Amino acid sequence: AIGSAIGNASGSAAATGSAEAVPPA
């Protein structure tokens, strides 16, 4: 469950924008 949450958080971030998306770093 925690691993899915981590993966979903990354995917959700990428889905919020294209060129404007903020990388996790």
PDB file of all heavy atoms in Angstrom:
ATOM      1  N   ALA A   1       0.826  -1.212   0.000  1.00  0.00           N
ATOM      2  CA  ALA A   1       0.000   0.000   0.000  1.00  0.00           C
ATOM      3  C   ALA A   1       0.856   1.256   0.000  1.00  0.00           C
ATOM      4  O   ALA A   1       0.579   2.216  -0.729  1.00  0.00           O
ATOM      5  CB  ALA A   1      -0.926  -0.006   1.219  1.00  0.00           C
ATOM      6  N   ILE A   2       1.911   1.258   0.832  1.00  0.00           N
ATOM      7  CA  ILE A   2       2.783   2.428   0.877  1.00  0.00           C
ATOM      8  C   ILE A   2       3.516   2.580  -0.447  1.00  0.00           C
ATOM      9  O   ILE A   2       3.653   3.672  -0.981  1.00  0.00           O
ATOM     10  CB  ILE A   2       3.774   2.318   2.048  1.00  0.00           C
ATOM     11  CG1 ILE A   2       3.015   2.359   3.371  1.00  0.00           C
ATOM     12  CG2 ILE A   2       4.802   3.434   2.001  1.00  0.00           C
ATOM     13  CD1 ILE A   2       3.871   2.070   4.576  1.00  0.00           C
ATOM     14  N   GLY A   3       3.976   1.466  -1.024  1.00  0.00           N
ATOM     15  CA  GLY A   3       4.649   1.537  -2.309  1.00  0.00           C
ATOM     16  C   GLY A   3       3.739   2.086  -3.395  1.00  0.00           C
ATOM     17  O   GLY A   3       4.151   2.882  -4.239  1.00  0.00           O
ATOM     18  N   SER A   4       2.454   1.686  -3.362  1.00  0.00           N
ATOM     19  CA  SER A   4       1.505   2.213  -4.338  1.00  0.00           C
ATOM     20  C   SER A   4       1.306   3.700  -4.158  1.00  0.00           C
ATOM     21  O   SER A   4       1.200   4.452  -5.121  1.00  0.00           O
ATOM     22  CB  SER A   4       0.153   1.487  -4.195  1.00  0.00           C
ATOM     23  OG  SER A   4       0.293   0.119  -4.511  1.00  0.00           O
ATOM     24  N   ALA A   5       1.253   4.141  -2.879  1.00  0.00           N
ATOM     25  CA  ALA A   5       1.082   5.571  -2.616  1.00  0.00           C
ATOM     26  C   ALA A   5       2.255   6.365  -3.164  1.00  0.00           C
ATOM     27  O   ALA A   5       2.079   7.442  -3.739  1.00  0.00           O
ATOM     28  CB  ALA A   5       0.937   5.815  -1.108  1.00  0.00           C
ATOM     29  N   ILE A   6       3.467   5.832  -2.982  1.00  0.00           N
ATOM     30  CA  ILE A   6       4.654   6.508  -3.499  1.00  0.00           C
ATOM     31  C   ILE A   6       4.589   6.597  -5.017  1.00  0.00           C
ATOM     32  O   ILE A   6       4.816   7.644  -5.619  1.00  0.00           O
ATOM     33  CB  ILE A   6       5.934   5.779  -3.039  1.00  0.00           C
ATOM     34  CG1 ILE A   6       6.116   5.964  -1.528  1.00  0.00           C
ATOM     35  CG2 ILE A   6       7.151   6.281  -3.792  1.00  0.00           C
ATOM     36  CD1 ILE A   6       7.197   5.085  -0.940  1.00  0.00           C
ATOM     37  N   GLY A   7       4.247   5.500  -5.668  1.00  0.00           N
ATOM     38  CA  GLY A   7       4.151   5.504  -7.117  1.00  0.00           C
ATOM     39  C   GLY A   7       3.048   6.411  -7.614  1.00  0.00           C
ATOM     40  O   GLY A   7       3.213   7.149  -8.580  1.00  0.00           O
ATOM     41  N   ASN A   8       1.889   6.416  -6.918  1.00  0.00           N
ATOM     42  CA  ASN A   8       0.781   7.254  -7.333  1.00  0.00           C
ATOM     43  C   ASN A   8       1.096   8.727  -7.179  1.00  0.00           C
ATOM     44  O   ASN A   8       0.672   9.555  -7.983  1.00  0.00           O
ATOM     45  CB  ASN A   8      -0.473   6.914  -6.510  1.00  0.00           C
ATOM     46  CG  ASN A   8      -1.043   5.558  -6.886  1.00  0.00           C
ATOM     47  OD1 ASN A   8      -0.754   5.031  -7.947  1.00  0.00           O
ATOM     48  ND2 ASN A   8      -1.848   4.985  -5.991  1.00  0.00           N
ATOM     49  N   ALA A   9       1.839   9.079  -6.123  1.00  0.00           N
ATOM     50  CA  ALA A   9       2.201  10.481  -5.929  1.00  0.00           C
ATOM     51  C   ALA A   9       3.055  10.972  -7.077  1.00  0.00           C
ATOM     52  O   ALA A   9       2.890  12.074  -7.584  1.00  0.00           O
ATOM     53  CB  ALA A   9       2.953  10.672  -4.602  1.00  0.00           C
ATOM     54  N   SER A  10       3.992  10.132  -7.520  1.00  0.00           N
ATOM     55  CA  SER A  10       4.846  10.513  -8.645  1.00  0.00           C
ATOM     56  C   SER A  10       4.042  10.642  -9.915  1.00  0.00           C
ATOM     57  O   SER A  10       4.186  11.594 -10.678  1.00  0.00           O
ATOM     58  CB  SER A  10       5.949   9.466  -8.826  1.00  0.00           C
ATOM     59  OG  SER A  10       6.764   9.778  -9.922  1.00  0.00           O
ATOM     60  N   GLY A  11       3.126   9.668 -10.148  1.00  0.00           N
ATOM     61  CA  GLY A  11       2.321   9.705 -11.355  1.00  0.00           C
ATOM     62  C   GLY A  11       1.383  10.890 -11.380  1.00  0.00           C
ATOM     63  O   GLY A  11       1.196  11.534 -12.413  1.00  0.00           O
ATOM     64  N   SER A  12       0.786  11.211 -10.215  1.00  0.00           N
ATOM     65  CA  SER A  12      -0.131  12.341 -10.146  1.00  0.00           C
ATOM     66  C   SER A  12       0.591  13.642 -10.448  1.00  0.00           C
ATOM     67  O   SER A  12       0.061  14.520 -11.119  1.00  0.00           O
ATOM     68  CB  SER A  12      -0.762  12.425  -8.751  1.00  0.00           C
ATOM     69  OG  SER A  12      -1.523  11.267  -8.505  1.00  0.00           O
ATOM     70  N   ALA A  13       1.822  13.768  -9.939  1.00  0.00           N
ATOM     71  CA  ALA A  13       2.585  14.984 -10.184  1.00  0.00           C
ATOM     72  C   ALA A  13       2.859  15.144 -11.674  1.00  0.00           C
ATOM     73  O   ALA A  13       2.716  16.227 -12.238  1.00  0.00           O
ATOM     74  CB  ALA A  13       3.903  14.959  -9.407  1.00  0.00           C
ATOM     75  N   ALA A  14       3.232  14.055 -12.328  1.00  0.00           N
ATOM     76  CA  ALA A  14       3.549  14.137 -13.748  1.00  0.00           C
ATOM     77  C   ALA A  14       2.323  14.462 -14.576  1.00  0.00           C
ATOM     78  O   ALA A  14       2.413  15.081 -15.633  1.00  0.00           O
ATOM     79  CB  ALA A  14       4.164  12.817 -14.214  1.00  0.00           C
ATOM     80  N   ALA A  15       1.145  14.058 -14.051  1.00  0.00           N
ATOM     81  CA  ALA A  15      -0.078  14.254 -14.807  1.00  0.00           C
ATOM     82  C   ALA A  15      -0.625  15.670 -14.698  1.00  0.00           C
ATOM     83  O   ALA A  15      -1.549  16.034 -15.415  1.00  0.00           O
ATOM     84  CB  ALA A  15      -1.143  13.265 -14.339  1.00  0.00           C
ATOM     85  N   THR A  16      -0.100  16.475 -13.789  1.00  0.00           N
ATOM     86  CA  THR A  16      -0.662  17.805 -13.572  1.00  0.00           C
ATOM     87  C   THR A  16      -0.235  18.810 -14.613  1.00  0.00           C
ATOM     88  O   THR A  16      -0.791  19.895 -14.684  1.00  0.00           O
ATOM     89  CB  THR A  16      -0.244  18.343 -12.190  1.00  0.00           C
ATOM     90  OG1 THR A  16       1.178  18.393 -12.132  1.00  0.00           O
ATOM     91  CG2 THR A  16      -0.788  17.475 -11.079  1.00  0.00           C
ATOM     92  N   GLY A  17       0.739  18.510 -15.406  1.00  0.00           N
ATOM     93  CA  GLY A  17       1.186  19.482 -16.406  1.00  0.00           C
ATOM     94  C   GLY A  17       2.126  18.822 -17.378  1.00  0.00           C
ATOM     95  O   GLY A  17       2.423  17.646 -17.277  1.00  0.00           O
ATOM     96  N   SER A  18       2.593  19.565 -18.335  1.00  0.00           N
ATOM     97  CA  SER A  18       3.545  19.032 -19.296  1.00  0.00           C
ATOM     98  C   SER A  18       4.873  19.719 -19.089  1.00  0.00           C
ATOM     99  O   SER A  18       5.666  19.311 -18.253  1.00  0.00           O
ATOM    100  CB  SER A  18       2.999  19.237 -20.719  1.00  0.00           C
ATOM    101  OG  SER A  18       2.656  20.598 -20.916  1.00  0.00           O
ATOM    102  N   ALA A  19       5.109  20.804 -19.822  1.00  0.00           N
ATOM    103  CA  ALA A  19       6.381  21.501 -19.672  1.00  0.00           C
ATOM    104  C   ALA A  19       6.509  22.134 -18.292  1.00  0.00           C
ATOM    105  O   ALA A  19       7.603  22.370 -17.813  1.00  0.00           O
ATOM    106  CB  ALA A  19       6.505  22.576 -20.749  1.00  0.00           C
ATOM    107  N   GLU A  20       5.352  22.430 -17.648  1.00  0.00           N
ATOM    108  CA  GLU A  20       5.365  23.101 -16.367  1.00  0.00           C
ATOM    109  C   GLU A  20       5.532  22.127 -15.200  1.00  0.00           C
ATOM    110  O   GLU A  20       5.657  22.545 -14.063  1.00  0.00           O
ATOM    111  CB  GLU A  20       4.062  23.897 -16.169  1.00  0.00           C
ATOM    112  CG  GLU A  20       4.060  25.239 -16.880  1.00  0.00           C
ATOM    113  CD  GLU A  20       4.965  26.233 -16.188  1.00  0.00           C
ATOM    114  OE1 GLU A  20       4.708  26.594 -15.028  1.00  0.00           O
ATOM    115  OE2 GLU A  20       5.952  26.643 -16.815  1.00  0.00           O
ATOM    116  N   ALA A  21       5.460  20.828 -15.431  1.00  0.00           N
ATOM    117  CA  ALA A  21       5.549  19.862 -14.343  1.00  0.00           C
ATOM    118  C   ALA A  21       6.876  20.029 -13.592  1.00  0.00           C
ATOM    119  O   ALA A  21       7.925  20.247 -14.187  1.00  0.00           O
ATOM    120  CB  ALA A  21       5.427  18.443 -14.888  1.00  0.00           C
ATOM    121  N   VAL A  22       6.799  19.939 -12.284  1.00  0.00           N
ATOM    122  CA  VAL A  22       7.971  20.124 -11.429  1.00  0.00           C
ATOM    123  C   VAL A  22       8.562  18.758 -11.103  1.00  0.00           C
ATOM    124  O   VAL A  22       7.865  17.892 -10.557  1.00  0.00           O
ATOM    125  CB  VAL A  22       7.576  20.858 -10.129  1.00  0.00           C
ATOM    126  CG1 VAL A  22       8.782  21.026  -9.210  1.00  0.00           C
ATOM    127  CG2 VAL A  22       6.954  22.214 -10.451  1.00  0.00           C
ATOM    128  N   PRO A  23       9.833  18.509 -11.404  1.00  0.00           N
ATOM    129  CA  PRO A  23      10.428  17.205 -11.104  1.00  0.00           C
ATOM    130  C   PRO A  23      10.625  17.023  -9.608  1.00  0.00           C
ATOM    131  O   PRO A  23      10.819  18.003  -8.870  1.00  0.00           O
ATOM    132  CB  PRO A  23      11.770  17.246 -11.840  1.00  0.00           C
ATOM    133  CG  PRO A  23      12.092  18.696 -11.959  1.00  0.00           C
ATOM    134  CD  PRO A  23      10.779  19.409 -12.090  1.00  0.00           C
ATOM    135  N   PRO A  24      10.576  15.784  -9.107  1.00  0.00           N
ATOM    136  CA  PRO A  24      10.713  15.552  -7.681  1.00  0.00           C
ATOM    137  C   PRO A  24      11.966  16.147  -7.060  1.00  0.00           C
ATOM    138  O   PRO A  24      11.939  16.579  -5.899  1.00  0.00           O
ATOM    139  CB  PRO A  24      10.704  14.018  -7.581  1.00  0.00           C
ATOM    140  CG  PRO A  24       9.909  13.568  -8.758  1.00  0.00           C
ATOM    141  CD  PRO A  24      10.251  14.545  -9.843  1.00  0.00           C
ATOM    142  N   ALA A  25      13.066  16.206  -7.802  1.00  0.00           N
ATOM    143  CA  ALA A  25      14.309  16.738  -7.237  1.00  0.00           C
ATOM    144  C   ALA A  25      14.158  18.182  -6.785  1.00  0.00           C
ATOM    145  O   ALA A  25      14.844  18.625  -5.852  1.00  0.00           O
ATOM    146  CB  ALA A  25      15.438  16.622  -8.254  1.00  0.00           C
TER     147      ALA A  25
END
